[in-house]
Amino acid sequence: MLLGECAWRSNFDETEAVESLLEREGLIQGYTTTYFMFFSKRPISQATRSKYAGRVRFLDVNERYGRNSYDE
């Protein structure tokens, strides 16, 4: 099962948003493996990425479109 969250806001609490996503594990019965994806408008901090490494895959708009942070 793939569970995802999309945070399309300029400001949000990263840890709170990711923890909310992780709490949804097990809501749909019948799956033994759950994968988590977190989509965001702005880049996710390296600290948050490290904290959830191996558990949550992060993808921000710049990564999605192959741009670096300096592209407009």
PDB file of N, CA and C in Angstrom:
ATOM      1  N   MET A   1       0.838  -1.158   0.000  1.00  0.00           N
ATOM      2  CA  MET A   1       0.000   0.000   0.000  1.00  0.00           C
ATOM      3  C   MET A   1       0.890   1.229   0.000  1.00  0.00           C
ATOM      4  N   LEU A   2       0.492   2.229  -0.757  1.00  0.00           N
ATOM      5  CA  LEU A   2       1.191   3.507  -0.782  1.00  0.00           C
ATOM      6  C   LEU A   2       0.281   4.556  -0.158  1.00  0.00           C
ATOM      7  N   LEU A   3       0.758   5.182   0.895  1.00  0.00           N
ATOM      8  CA  LEU A   3       0.038   6.287   1.523  1.00  0.00           C
ATOM      9  C   LEU A   3       0.842   7.554   1.309  1.00  0.00           C
ATOM     10  N   GLY A   4       0.166   8.618   0.929  1.00  0.00           N
ATOM     11  CA  GLY A   4       0.859   9.860   0.671  1.00  0.00           C
ATOM     12  C   GLY A   4       0.168  11.053   1.291  1.00  0.00           C
ATOM     13  N   GLU A   5       0.931  12.107   1.411  1.00  0.00           N
ATOM     14  CA  GLU A   5       0.441  13.381   1.945  1.00  0.00           C
ATOM     15  C   GLU A   5       0.993  14.464   1.032  1.00  0.00           C
ATOM     16  N   CYS A   6       0.184  15.464   0.746  1.00  0.00           N
ATOM     17  CA  CYS A   6       0.620  16.592  -0.063  1.00  0.00           C
ATOM     18  C   CYS A   6       0.462  17.867   0.753  1.00  0.00           C
ATOM     19  N   ALA A   7       1.571  18.536   1.000  1.00  0.00           N
ATOM     20  CA  ALA A   7       1.562  19.804   1.739  1.00  0.00           C
ATOM     21  C   ALA A   7       1.902  20.917   0.750  1.00  0.00           C
ATOM     22  N   TRP A   8       0.885  21.547   0.226  1.00  0.00           N
ATOM     23  CA  TRP A   8       1.081  22.571  -0.792  1.00  0.00           C
ATOM     24  C   TRP A   8       0.937  23.956  -0.179  1.00  0.00           C
ATOM     25  N   ARG A   9       1.588  24.123   0.951  1.00  0.00           N
ATOM     26  CA  ARG A   9       1.593  25.405   1.660  1.00  0.00           C
ATOM     27  C   ARG A   9       3.029  25.882   1.761  1.00  0.00           C
ATOM     28  N   SER A  10       3.192  27.158   1.936  1.00  0.00           N
ATOM     29  CA  SER A  10       4.537  27.701   2.080  1.00  0.00           C
ATOM     30  C   SER A  10       5.113  27.425   3.460  1.00  0.00           C
ATOM     31  N   ASN A  11       4.258  27.349   4.467  1.00  0.00           N
ATOM     32  CA  ASN A  11       4.713  27.107   5.839  1.00  0.00           C
ATOM     33  C   ASN A  11       3.891  26.011   6.484  1.00  0.00           C
ATOM     34  N   PHE A  12       4.574  25.054   7.093  1.00  0.00           N
ATOM     35  CA  PHE A  12       3.925  24.002   7.869  1.00  0.00           C
ATOM     36  C   PHE A  12       4.974  23.347   8.750  1.00  0.00           C
ATOM     37  N   ASP A  13       4.514  22.678   9.780  1.00  0.00           N
ATOM     38  CA  ASP A  13       5.399  21.963  10.692  1.00  0.00           C
ATOM     39  C   ASP A  13       5.705  20.602  10.062  1.00  0.00           C
ATOM     40  N   GLU A  14       6.926  20.422   9.604  1.00  0.00           N
ATOM     41  CA  GLU A  14       7.301  19.197   8.898  1.00  0.00           C
ATOM     42  C   GLU A  14       7.082  17.943   9.751  1.00  0.00           C
ATOM     43  N   THR A  15       7.567  17.975  10.972  1.00  0.00           N
ATOM     44  CA  THR A  15       7.440  16.799  11.831  1.00  0.00           C
ATOM     45  C   THR A  15       5.975  16.464  12.080  1.00  0.00           C
ATOM     46  N   GLU A  16       5.180  17.456  12.371  1.00  0.00           N
ATOM     47  CA  GLU A  16       3.751  17.232  12.611  1.00  0.00           C
ATOM     48  C   GLU A  16       3.080  16.627  11.379  1.00  0.00           C
ATOM     49  N   ALA A  17       3.385  17.141  10.206  1.00  0.00           N
ATOM     50  CA  ALA A  17       2.784  16.643   8.972  1.00  0.00           C
ATOM     51  C   ALA A  17       3.203  15.203   8.682  1.00  0.00           C
ATOM     52  N   VAL A  18       4.479  14.885   8.857  1.00  0.00           N
ATOM     53  CA  VAL A  18       4.959  13.528   8.595  1.00  0.00           C
ATOM     54  C   VAL A  18       4.408  12.555   9.634  1.00  0.00           C
ATOM     55  N   GLU A  19       4.388  12.942  10.874  1.00  0.00           N
ATOM     56  CA  GLU A  19       3.835  12.073  11.917  1.00  0.00           C
ATOM     57  C   GLU A  19       2.357  11.782  11.660  1.00  0.00           C
ATOM     58  N   SER A  20       1.631  12.770  11.192  1.00  0.00           N
ATOM     59  CA  SER A  20       0.219  12.582  10.856  1.00  0.00           C
ATOM     60  C   SER A  20       0.065  11.538   9.750  1.00  0.00           C
ATOM     61  N   LEU A  21       0.937  11.602   8.759  1.00  0.00           N
ATOM     62  CA  LEU A  21       0.927  10.607   7.688  1.00  0.00           C
ATOM     63  C   LEU A  21       1.213   9.216   8.237  1.00  0.00           C
ATOM     64  N   LEU A  22       2.233   9.088   9.061  1.00  0.00           N
ATOM     65  CA  LEU A  22       2.618   7.783   9.604  1.00  0.00           C
ATOM     66  C   LEU A  22       1.525   7.174  10.478  1.00  0.00           C
ATOM     67  N   GLU A  23       0.744   8.003  11.136  1.00  0.00           N
ATOM     68  CA  GLU A  23      -0.346   7.518  11.982  1.00  0.00           C
ATOM     69  C   GLU A  23      -1.451   6.829  11.181  1.00  0.00           C
ATOM     70  N   ARG A  24      -1.477   7.031   9.894  1.00  0.00           N
ATOM     71  CA  ARG A  24      -2.521   6.436   9.048  1.00  0.00           C
ATOM     72  C   ARG A  24      -2.239   4.978   8.686  1.00  0.00           C
ATOM     73  N   GLU A  25      -1.029   4.533   9.011  1.00  0.00           N
ATOM     74  CA  GLU A  25      -0.690   3.138   8.728  1.00  0.00           C
ATOM     75  C   GLU A  25      -1.686   2.222   9.444  1.00  0.00           C
ATOM     76  N   GLY A  26      -2.189   1.236   8.737  1.00  0.00           N
ATOM     77  CA  GLY A  26      -3.120   0.285   9.334  1.00  0.00           C
ATOM     78  C   GLY A  26      -4.580   0.678   9.212  1.00  0.00           C
ATOM     79  N   LEU A  27      -4.883   1.862   8.702  1.00  0.00           N
ATOM     80  CA  LEU A  27      -6.278   2.274   8.555  1.00  0.00           C
ATOM     81  C   LEU A  27      -7.019   1.437   7.518  1.00  0.00           C
ATOM     82  N   ILE A  28      -6.301   0.958   6.518  1.00  0.00           N
ATOM     83  CA  ILE A  28      -6.900   0.097   5.503  1.00  0.00           C
ATOM     84  C   ILE A  28      -6.339  -1.302   5.712  1.00  0.00           C
ATOM     85  N   GLN A  29      -7.198  -2.222   6.039  1.00  0.00           N
ATOM     86  CA  GLN A  29      -6.795  -3.588   6.371  1.00  0.00           C
ATOM     87  C   GLN A  29      -6.440  -4.388   5.115  1.00  0.00           C
ATOM     88  N   GLY A  30      -5.636  -5.424   5.287  1.00  0.00           N
ATOM     89  CA  GLY A  30      -5.329  -6.359   4.227  1.00  0.00           C
ATOM     90  C   GLY A  30      -3.979  -6.153   3.565  1.00  0.00           C
ATOM     91  N   TYR A  31      -3.206  -5.198   4.036  1.00  0.00           N
ATOM     92  CA  TYR A  31      -1.889  -4.936   3.454  1.00  0.00           C
ATOM     93  C   TYR A  31      -0.822  -5.185   4.509  1.00  0.00           C
ATOM     94  N   THR A  32       0.216  -5.887   4.114  1.00  0.00           N
ATOM     95  CA  THR A  32       1.282  -6.190   5.065  1.00  0.00           C
ATOM     96  C   THR A  32       2.429  -5.192   4.973  1.00  0.00           C
ATOM     97  N   THR A  33       2.531  -4.487   3.836  1.00  0.00           N
ATOM     98  CA  THR A  33       3.604  -3.526   3.639  1.00  0.00           C
ATOM     99  C   THR A  33       3.001  -2.178   3.273  1.00  0.00           C
ATOM    100  N   THR A  34       3.482  -1.136   3.920  1.00  0.00           N
ATOM    101  CA  THR A  34       3.017   0.218   3.632  1.00  0.00           C
ATOM    102  C   THR A  34       4.217   1.084   3.287  1.00  0.00           C
ATOM    103  N   TYR A  35       4.102   1.808   2.191  1.00  0.00           N
ATOM    104  CA  TYR A  35       5.116   2.772   1.765  1.00  0.00           C
ATOM    105  C   TYR A  35       4.533   4.162   1.950  1.00  0.00           C
ATOM    106  N   PHE A  36       5.377   5.108   2.334  1.00  0.00           N
ATOM    107  CA  PHE A  36       4.926   6.475   2.582  1.00  0.00           C
ATOM    108  C   PHE A  36       5.644   7.443   1.656  1.00  0.00           C
ATOM    109  N   MET A  37       4.868   8.370   1.068  1.00  0.00           N
ATOM    110  CA  MET A  37       5.419   9.443   0.228  1.00  0.00           C
ATOM    111  C   MET A  37       4.887  10.763   0.758  1.00  0.00           C
ATOM    112  N   PHE A  38       5.757  11.744   0.794  1.00  0.00           N
ATOM    113  CA  PHE A  38       5.363  13.084   1.241  1.00  0.00           C
ATOM    114  C   PHE A  38       5.730  14.065   0.135  1.00  0.00           C
ATOM    115  N   PHE A  39       4.723  14.688  -0.451  1.00  0.00           N
ATOM    116  CA  PHE A  39       4.894  15.655  -1.528  1.00  0.00           C
ATOM    117  C   PHE A  39       4.768  17.050  -0.943  1.00  0.00           C
ATOM    118  N   SER A  40       5.653  17.953  -1.358  1.00  0.00           N
ATOM    119  CA  SER A  40       5.579  19.298  -0.796  1.00  0.00           C
ATOM    120  C   SER A  40       5.930  20.361  -1.831  1.00  0.00           C
ATOM    121  N   LYS A  41       5.401  21.537  -1.587  1.00  0.00           N
ATOM    122  CA  LYS A  41       5.669  22.699  -2.434  1.00  0.00           C
ATOM    123  C   LYS A  41       7.090  23.196  -2.216  1.00  0.00           C
ATOM    124  N   ARG A  42       7.504  23.219  -0.973  1.00  0.00           N
ATOM    125  CA  ARG A  42       8.833  23.733  -0.646  1.00  0.00           C
ATOM    126  C   ARG A  42       9.739  22.571  -0.236  1.00  0.00           C
ATOM    127  N   PRO A  43      11.042  22.766  -0.336  1.00  0.00           N
ATOM    128  CA  PRO A  43      11.973  21.699   0.048  1.00  0.00           C
ATOM    129  C   PRO A  43      11.833  21.318   1.529  1.00  0.00           C
ATOM    130  N   ILE A  44      11.949  20.043   1.789  1.00  0.00           N
ATOM    131  CA  ILE A  44      11.926  19.521   3.161  1.00  0.00           C
ATOM    132  C   ILE A  44      13.348  19.575   3.698  1.00  0.00           C
ATOM    133  N   SER A  45      13.479  19.971   4.950  1.00  0.00           N
ATOM    134  CA  SER A  45      14.808  20.117   5.548  1.00  0.00           C
ATOM    135  C   SER A  45      15.567  18.790   5.573  1.00  0.00           C
ATOM    136  N   GLN A  46      16.878  18.900   5.555  1.00  0.00           N
ATOM    137  CA  GLN A  46      17.719  17.705   5.625  1.00  0.00           C
ATOM    138  C   GLN A  46      17.525  16.989   6.954  1.00  0.00           C
ATOM    139  N   ALA A  47      17.270  17.731   8.016  1.00  0.00           N
ATOM    140  CA  ALA A  47      17.043  17.118   9.331  1.00  0.00           C
ATOM    141  C   ALA A  47      15.809  16.215   9.298  1.00  0.00           C
ATOM    142  N   THR A  48      14.722  16.684   8.679  1.00  0.00           N
ATOM    143  CA  THR A  48      13.506  15.871   8.580  1.00  0.00           C
ATOM    144  C   THR A  48      13.740  14.681   7.673  1.00  0.00           C
ATOM    145  N   ARG A  49      14.419  14.895   6.554  1.00  0.00           N
ATOM    146  CA  ARG A  49      14.726  13.784   5.646  1.00  0.00           C
ATOM    147  C   ARG A  49      15.538  12.703   6.370  1.00  0.00           C
ATOM    148  N   SER A  50      16.510  13.126   7.156  1.00  0.00           N
ATOM    149  CA  SER A  50      17.347  12.172   7.898  1.00  0.00           C
ATOM    150  C   SER A  50      16.546  11.446   8.969  1.00  0.00           C
ATOM    151  N   LYS A  51      15.698  12.183   9.655  1.00  0.00           N
ATOM    152  CA  LYS A  51      14.896  11.606  10.738  1.00  0.00           C
ATOM    153  C   LYS A  51      14.007  10.467  10.237  1.00  0.00           C
ATOM    154  N   TYR A  52      13.469  10.605   9.029  1.00  0.00           N
ATOM    155  CA  TYR A  52      12.537   9.611   8.492  1.00  0.00           C
ATOM    156  C   TYR A  52      13.133   8.786   7.354  1.00  0.00           C
ATOM    157  N   ALA A  53      14.449   8.818   7.219  1.00  0.00           N
ATOM    158  CA  ALA A  53      15.125   8.066   6.156  1.00  0.00           C
ATOM    159  C   ALA A  53      14.766   6.591   6.235  1.00  0.00           C
ATOM    160  N   GLY A  54      14.473   6.008   5.085  1.00  0.00           N
ATOM    161  CA  GLY A  54      14.119   4.596   5.040  1.00  0.00           C
ATOM    162  C   GLY A  54      12.660   4.333   5.352  1.00  0.00           C
ATOM    163  N   ARG A  55      11.960   5.337   5.818  1.00  0.00           N
ATOM    164  CA  ARG A  55      10.547   5.165   6.174  1.00  0.00           C
ATOM    165  C   ARG A  55       9.626   5.976   5.268  1.00  0.00           C
ATOM    166  N   VAL A  56      10.052   7.200   4.931  1.00  0.00           N
ATOM    167  CA  VAL A  56       9.238   8.101   4.117  1.00  0.00           C
ATOM    168  C   VAL A  56      10.078   8.610   2.958  1.00  0.00           C
ATOM    169  N   ARG A  57       9.505   8.606   1.778  1.00  0.00           N
ATOM    170  CA  ARG A  57      10.151   9.183   0.593  1.00  0.00           C
ATOM    171  C   ARG A  57       9.585  10.588   0.418  1.00  0.00           C
ATOM    172  N   PHE A  58      10.466  11.568   0.277  1.00  0.00           N
ATOM    173  CA  PHE A  58      10.055  12.965   0.123  1.00  0.00           C
ATOM    174  C   PHE A  58      10.258  13.403  -1.325  1.00  0.00           C
ATOM    175  N   LEU A  59       9.341  14.216  -1.815  1.00  0.00           N
ATOM    176  CA  LEU A  59       9.447  14.758  -3.158  1.00  0.00           C
ATOM    177  C   LEU A  59       8.874  16.167  -3.146  1.00  0.00           C
ATOM    178  N   ASP A  60       9.753  17.147  -3.385  1.00  0.00           N
ATOM    179  CA  ASP A  60       9.257  18.525  -3.448  1.00  0.00           C
ATOM    180  C   ASP A  60       9.138  18.944  -4.907  1.00  0.00           C
ATOM    181  N   VAL A  61       8.518  20.085  -5.132  1.00  0.00           N
ATOM    182  CA  VAL A  61       8.228  20.527  -6.499  1.00  0.00           C
ATOM    183  C   VAL A  61       9.496  20.670  -7.332  1.00  0.00           C
ATOM    184  N   ASN A  62      10.585  21.119  -6.747  1.00  0.00           N
ATOM    185  CA  ASN A  62      11.830  21.258  -7.490  1.00  0.00           C
ATOM    186  C   ASN A  62      12.377  19.902  -7.920  1.00  0.00           C
ATOM    187  N   GLU A  63      12.304  18.922  -7.037  1.00  0.00           N
ATOM    188  CA  GLU A  63      12.751  17.571  -7.387  1.00  0.00           C
ATOM    189  C   GLU A  63      11.860  16.989  -8.477  1.00  0.00           C
ATOM    190  N   ARG A  64      10.584  17.241  -8.365  1.00  0.00           N
ATOM    191  CA  ARG A  64       9.614  16.694  -9.325  1.00  0.00           C
ATOM    192  C   ARG A  64       9.901  17.179 -10.739  1.00  0.00           C
ATOM    193  N   TYR A  65      10.232  18.433 -10.872  1.00  0.00           N
ATOM    194  CA  TYR A  65      10.453  19.005 -12.191  1.00  0.00           C
ATOM    195  C   TYR A  65      11.933  19.152 -12.546  1.00  0.00           C
ATOM    196  N   GLY A  66      12.813  18.561 -11.746  1.00  0.00           N
ATOM    197  CA  GLY A  66      14.231  18.535 -12.052  1.00  0.00           C
ATOM    198  C   GLY A  66      14.907  19.885 -11.976  1.00  0.00           C
ATOM    199  N   ARG A  67      14.373  20.744 -11.129  1.00  0.00           N
ATOM    200  CA  ARG A  67      14.970  22.082 -10.964  1.00  0.00           C
ATOM    201  C   ARG A  67      15.729  22.125  -9.657  1.00  0.00           C
ATOM    202  N   ASN A  68      16.698  23.019  -9.592  1.00  0.00           N
ATOM    203  CA  ASN A  68      17.333  23.245  -8.297  1.00  0.00           C
ATOM    204  C   ASN A  68      16.607  24.409  -7.624  1.00  0.00           C
ATOM    205  N   SER A  69      16.930  24.695  -6.409  1.00  0.00           N
ATOM    206  CA  SER A  69      16.242  25.715  -5.623  1.00  0.00           C
ATOM    207  C   SER A  69      16.351  27.109  -6.218  1.00  0.00           C
ATOM    208  N   TYR A  70      17.314  27.319  -7.105  1.00  0.00           N
ATOM    209  CA  TYR A  70      17.551  28.657  -7.631  1.00  0.00           C
ATOM    210  C   TYR A  70      16.805  28.934  -8.928  1.00  0.00           C
ATOM    211  N   ASP A  71      16.223  27.895  -9.529  1.00  0.00           N
ATOM    212  CA  ASP A  71      15.462  28.097 -10.753  1.00  0.00           C
ATOM    213  C   ASP A  71      14.152  28.818 -10.453  1.00  0.00           C
ATOM    214  N   GLU A  72      13.671  29.551 -11.395  1.00  0.00           N
ATOM    215  CA  GLU A  72      12.381  30.234 -11.210  1.00  0.00           C
ATOM    216  C   GLU A  72      11.378  29.688 -12.189  1.00  0.00           C
TER     217      GLU A  72
END
